[in-house]
Amino acid sequence: MTAVAKGTSIRGAARQYEFNRHALKRFLDRKGSGAKYLYGYGALSGKLKIFSYEMESDLATQVRELSERFHSLTSHKCSKLAYESALQNNIAISSAGLR
């Protein structure tokens, strides 16, 4: 990002830092538009969020602890843990992704 600000082309900066040119351009376009959130969970609208910040932090802590204990935690197990946490907290969500 600083390379582009110093005058390097987007293509040149992407090649220099071995980064996808289109992803870099999309990031810079979003940054230039003044968008509040550029990436991550904050990019979702409030309606799409399932867990509150505190609940998400607790879940992240649980996932880290389980991952440290068992040396790995598959994405399916992580999804299942999030689903079970939502059920325990009486949050209505779809079980379409779980099999």
C-alpha atoms as a PDB file:
ATOM      1  CA  MET A   1       0.000   0.000   0.000  1.00  0.00           C
ATOM      2  CA  THR A   2       2.829   2.397   0.793  1.00  0.00           C
ATOM      3  CA  ALA A   3       4.595   1.363  -2.418  1.00  0.00           C
ATOM      4  CA  VAL A   4       1.557   2.492  -4.421  1.00  0.00           C
ATOM      5  CA  ALA A   5       1.468   5.756  -2.470  1.00  0.00           C
ATOM      6  CA  LYS A   6       5.132   6.329  -3.383  1.00  0.00           C
ATOM      7  CA  GLY A   7       4.320   6.034  -7.075  1.00  0.00           C
ATOM      8  CA  THR A   8       4.687   2.331  -7.860  1.00  0.00           C
ATOM      9  CA  SER A   9       1.921   0.969 -10.046  1.00  0.00           C
ATOM     10  CA  ILE A  10      -0.570  -1.472  -8.564  1.00  0.00           C
ATOM     11  CA  ARG A  11       0.706  -4.174 -10.902  1.00  0.00           C
ATOM     12  CA  GLY A  12       4.314  -3.457  -9.918  1.00  0.00           C
ATOM     13  CA  ALA A  13       3.551  -3.449  -6.194  1.00  0.00           C
ATOM     14  CA  ALA A  14       1.593  -6.694  -6.497  1.00  0.00           C
ATOM     15  CA  ARG A  15       4.477  -8.308  -8.352  1.00  0.00           C
ATOM     16  CA  GLN A  16       7.068  -6.967  -5.878  1.00  0.00           C
ATOM     17  CA  TYR A  17       5.211  -8.242  -2.790  1.00  0.00           C
ATOM     18  CA  GLU A  18       3.854 -11.377  -4.487  1.00  0.00           C
ATOM     19  CA  PHE A  19       0.251 -10.354  -3.887  1.00  0.00           C
ATOM     20  CA  ASN A  20      -2.807 -10.755  -6.090  1.00  0.00           C
ATOM     21  CA  ARG A  21      -3.163  -7.613  -8.231  1.00  0.00           C
ATOM     22  CA  HIS A  22      -6.956  -7.666  -8.256  1.00  0.00           C
ATOM     23  CA  ALA A  23      -7.180  -8.100  -4.482  1.00  0.00           C
ATOM     24  CA  LEU A  24      -4.785  -5.178  -3.980  1.00  0.00           C
ATOM     25  CA  LYS A  25      -6.781  -2.967  -6.346  1.00  0.00           C
ATOM     26  CA  ARG A  26     -10.051  -3.891  -4.604  1.00  0.00           C
ATOM     27  CA  PHE A  27      -8.512  -3.081  -1.206  1.00  0.00           C
ATOM     28  CA  LEU A  28      -7.187   0.280  -2.406  1.00  0.00           C
ATOM     29  CA  ASP A  29     -10.536   1.150  -4.026  1.00  0.00           C
ATOM     30  CA  ARG A  30     -12.361   0.424  -0.773  1.00  0.00           C
ATOM     31  CA  LYS A  31      -9.833   2.403   1.221  1.00  0.00           C
ATOM     32  CA  GLY A  32     -10.140   5.350  -1.144  1.00  0.00           C
ATOM     33  CA  SER A  33     -13.931   5.333  -0.944  1.00  0.00           C
ATOM     34  CA  GLY A  34     -13.797   5.994   2.812  1.00  0.00           C
ATOM     35  CA  ALA A  35     -15.585   2.769   3.725  1.00  0.00           C
ATOM     36  CA  LYS A  36     -15.700   2.258   7.482  1.00  0.00           C
ATOM     37  CA  TYR A  37     -14.804  -1.440   7.326  1.00  0.00           C
ATOM     38  CA  LEU A  38     -12.368  -2.731   4.763  1.00  0.00           C
ATOM     39  CA  TYR A  39     -12.233  -6.419   5.633  1.00  0.00           C
ATOM     40  CA  GLY A  40     -13.182  -9.021   8.210  1.00  0.00           C
ATOM     41  CA  TYR A  41     -16.329  -9.525  10.257  1.00  0.00           C
ATOM     42  CA  GLY A  42     -16.964  -5.805  10.530  1.00  0.00           C
ATOM     43  CA  ALA A  43     -17.756  -5.689   6.811  1.00  0.00           C
ATOM     44  CA  LEU A  44     -21.049  -7.489   7.453  1.00  0.00           C
ATOM     45  CA  SER A  45     -24.177  -5.548   8.199  1.00  0.00           C
ATOM     46  CA  GLY A  46     -25.569  -5.762  11.711  1.00  0.00           C
ATOM     47  CA  LYS A  47     -28.422  -7.987  10.536  1.00  0.00           C
ATOM     48  CA  LEU A  48     -26.037 -10.742   9.426  1.00  0.00           C
ATOM     49  CA  LYS A  49     -24.103 -11.000  12.685  1.00  0.00           C
ATOM     50  CA  ILE A  50     -25.108 -13.959  14.811  1.00  0.00           C
ATOM     51  CA  PHE A  51     -23.049 -13.525  17.964  1.00  0.00           C
ATOM     52  CA  SER A  52     -22.467 -10.425  20.055  1.00  0.00           C
ATOM     53  CA  TYR A  53     -18.870  -9.303  20.507  1.00  0.00           C
ATOM     54  CA  GLU A  54     -18.660 -10.919  23.959  1.00  0.00           C
ATOM     55  CA  MET A  55     -20.117 -14.223  22.770  1.00  0.00           C
ATOM     56  CA  GLU A  56     -17.761 -14.265  19.802  1.00  0.00           C
ATOM     57  CA  SER A  57     -14.768 -13.597  22.084  1.00  0.00           C
ATOM     58  CA  ASP A  58     -15.803 -16.463  24.382  1.00  0.00           C
ATOM     59  CA  LEU A  59     -16.205 -18.786  21.419  1.00  0.00           C
ATOM     60  CA  ALA A  60     -12.796 -17.772  20.040  1.00  0.00           C
ATOM     61  CA  THR A  61     -11.220 -18.514  23.415  1.00  0.00           C
ATOM     62  CA  GLN A  62     -12.857 -21.944  23.493  1.00  0.00           C
ATOM     63  CA  VAL A  63     -11.651 -22.713  19.967  1.00  0.00           C
ATOM     64  CA  ARG A  64      -8.078 -21.684  20.853  1.00  0.00           C
ATOM     65  CA  GLU A  65      -8.095 -23.814  24.018  1.00  0.00           C
ATOM     66  CA  LEU A  66      -9.476 -26.854  22.210  1.00  0.00           C
ATOM     67  CA  SER A  67      -7.001 -26.405  19.383  1.00  0.00           C
ATOM     68  CA  GLU A  68      -4.103 -26.276  21.857  1.00  0.00           C
ATOM     69  CA  ARG A  69      -5.317 -29.379  23.698  1.00  0.00           C
ATOM     70  CA  PHE A  70      -6.000 -31.547  20.675  1.00  0.00           C
ATOM     71  CA  HIS A  71      -3.353 -30.065  18.332  1.00  0.00           C
ATOM     72  CA  SER A  72      -5.914 -29.362  15.637  1.00  0.00           C
ATOM     73  CA  LEU A  73      -9.503 -28.365  15.180  1.00  0.00           C
ATOM     74  CA  THR A  74     -11.086 -28.881  11.791  1.00  0.00           C
ATOM     75  CA  SER A  75     -13.291 -26.212  10.268  1.00  0.00           C
ATOM     76  CA  HIS A  76     -16.237 -28.615  10.517  1.00  0.00           C
ATOM     77  CA  LYS A  77     -15.670 -29.083  14.269  1.00  0.00           C
ATOM     78  CA  CYS A  78     -15.336 -25.319  14.692  1.00  0.00           C
ATOM     79  CA  SER A  79     -18.629 -24.773  12.836  1.00  0.00           C
ATOM     80  CA  LYS A  80     -20.308 -27.433  14.942  1.00  0.00           C
ATOM     81  CA  LEU A  81     -19.041 -25.774  18.120  1.00  0.00           C
ATOM     82  CA  ALA A  82     -20.407 -22.396  16.962  1.00  0.00           C
ATOM     83  CA  TYR A  83     -23.762 -24.015  16.121  1.00  0.00           C
ATOM     84  CA  GLU A  84     -23.990 -25.687  19.529  1.00  0.00           C
ATOM     85  CA  SER A  85     -23.069 -22.423  21.221  1.00  0.00           C
ATOM     86  CA  ALA A  86     -25.851 -20.651  19.331  1.00  0.00           C
ATOM     87  CA  LEU A  87     -28.341 -23.329  20.395  1.00  0.00           C
ATOM     88  CA  GLN A  88     -27.297 -23.024  24.049  1.00  0.00           C
ATOM     89  CA  ASN A  89     -27.821 -19.262  23.876  1.00  0.00           C
ATOM     90  CA  ASN A  90     -31.237 -19.636  22.184  1.00  0.00           C
ATOM     91  CA  ILE A  91     -30.116 -18.040  18.918  1.00  0.00           C
ATOM     92  CA  ALA A  92     -32.111 -19.211  15.925  1.00  0.00           C
ATOM     93  CA  ILE A  93     -29.838 -20.139  13.003  1.00  0.00           C
ATOM     94  CA  SER A  94     -29.933 -22.513  10.071  1.00  0.00           C
ATOM     95  CA  SER A  95     -28.275 -25.900  10.328  1.00  0.00           C
ATOM     96  CA  ALA A  96     -27.831 -26.116   6.549  1.00  0.00           C
ATOM     97  CA  GLY A  97     -24.039 -26.125   6.690  1.00  0.00           C
ATOM     98  CA  LEU A  98     -23.785 -28.949   9.202  1.00  0.00           C
ATOM     99  CA  ARG A  99     -23.849 -32.572   8.117  1.00  0.00           C
END
